[in-house]
Protein backbone atom coordinates (compact mmCIF):
# COMPACT_ATOMS: atom_id res chain seq x y z
CA MET A 1 -1.82 4.88 3.09
CA ARG A 2 -0.09 7.77 4.86
CA ARG A 3 0.28 5.71 8.03
CA LEU A 4 2.30 2.98 6.33
CA ARG A 5 5.98 3.05 7.26
CA PRO A 6 9.02 0.96 6.39
CA GLY A 7 9.59 -1.75 8.97
CA MET A 8 5.90 -2.30 9.76
CA THR A 9 4.77 -5.91 9.86
CA LEU A 10 2.41 -7.32 7.27
CA ALA A 11 -0.18 -7.82 10.03
CA GLU A 12 -0.04 -4.10 10.88
CA VAL A 13 -0.53 -3.19 7.22
CA GLU A 14 -3.50 -5.54 6.89
CA ALA A 15 -5.06 -4.01 10.02
CA LEU A 16 -4.70 -0.48 8.58
CA LEU A 17 -5.95 -1.40 5.10
CA GLY A 18 -8.85 -3.57 6.22
CA GLY A 19 -7.60 -7.08 5.48
CA PRO A 20 -5.32 -9.05 3.20
CA ALA A 21 -4.18 -7.78 -0.18
CA ALA A 22 -6.35 -8.34 -3.24
CA ASP A 23 -3.33 -9.31 -5.34
CA MET A 24 0.13 -10.63 -4.56
CA LEU A 25 3.18 -11.15 -6.73
CA ASP A 26 5.95 -13.41 -5.38
CA TRP A 27 9.11 -12.29 -7.16
CA GLN A 28 11.09 -15.32 -5.98
CA ALA A 29 8.61 -17.68 -7.64
CA HIS A 30 9.09 -15.74 -10.89
CA GLY A 31 12.88 -16.10 -10.74
CA ALA A 32 13.61 -12.42 -10.02
CA PRO A 33 16.84 -11.52 -8.15
CA VAL A 34 15.18 -11.02 -4.76
CA ASP A 35 18.47 -10.32 -2.96
CA GLN A 36 19.24 -7.45 -5.34
CA MET A 37 15.71 -6.05 -5.23
CA GLY A 38 15.57 -6.07 -1.43
CA TYR A 39 11.99 -7.33 -1.26
CA ARG A 40 10.18 -10.53 -2.12
CA TRP A 41 6.48 -9.72 -2.48
CA LEU A 42 4.49 -6.96 -4.07
CA ARG A 43 1.07 -6.83 -2.44
CA VAL A 44 -1.75 -4.69 -3.84
CA TRP A 45 -4.88 -3.43 -2.09
CA LYS A 46 -7.63 -1.99 -4.33
CA GLU A 47 -10.78 0.00 -3.68
CA SER A 48 -13.99 -1.73 -4.74
CA ASP A 49 -14.39 0.64 -7.70
CA ALA A 50 -10.72 0.00 -8.72
CA LEU A 51 -10.03 3.75 -9.03
CA ALA A 52 -7.40 3.68 -6.30
CA ARG A 53 -4.84 1.19 -5.09
CA VAL A 54 -2.01 0.81 -2.60
CA GLU A 55 1.10 -1.19 -3.49
CA VAL A 56 3.38 -2.44 -0.73
CA GLN A 57 6.80 -4.03 -1.17
CA VAL A 58 7.29 -6.70 1.51
CA THR A 59 10.61 -8.25 2.53
CA ARG A 60 11.25 -11.93 3.24
CA ASP A 61 10.64 -11.38 6.96
CA GLU A 62 7.21 -9.87 6.12
CA ARG A 63 8.09 -6.25 6.84
CA VAL A 64 7.30 -3.23 4.69
CA MET A 65 10.17 -1.96 2.57
CA ALA A 66 8.18 0.71 0.71
CA ALA A 67 4.57 1.67 -0.08
CA ALA A 68 2.87 3.82 -2.69
CA GLY A 69 -0.68 4.93 -3.37
CA PHE A 70 -2.19 5.50 -6.79
CA GLY A 71 -5.48 6.93 -7.98
CA ARG A 72 -7.94 8.98 -6.02
CA GLN A 73 -6.39 11.57 -3.72
CA GLN A 74 -8.14 12.74 -0.61
CA PRO A 75 -8.78 16.46 -0.28
CA GLY A 76 -6.64 18.29 2.26
CA PRO A 77 -8.03 19.94 5.40
CA LEU A 78 -8.40 23.34 3.77
CA ALA A 79 -10.36 21.90 0.82
CA ARG A 80 -12.65 20.01 3.23
CA LEU A 81 -13.26 23.20 5.25
CA ARG A 82 -14.07 25.17 2.10
CA SER A 83 -16.49 22.45 1.02
CA CYS A 84 -18.25 22.52 4.39
CA LEU A 85 -18.51 26.32 4.26
CA GLY A 86 -19.67 26.30 0.64
CA TRP A 87 -16.73 28.41 -0.63
């Protein structure tokens, strides 16, 4: 998730996240004002246990506008070191 950046192509996102999105919402098909929103699709990748997900807003030219992660957070480097050392 932290490697996702605005302007990335959808193919780059799929390569980082391990394949195509589990869910997709096409705002244009639902009659939303796509030009005002700035993006057309909301694509969602989910972990198999559904405790974490990544949502990516994708523009008409299939580039990332914004991305957000929800759910399980990964421990930082200090927490991982403490765990390894048993502290």
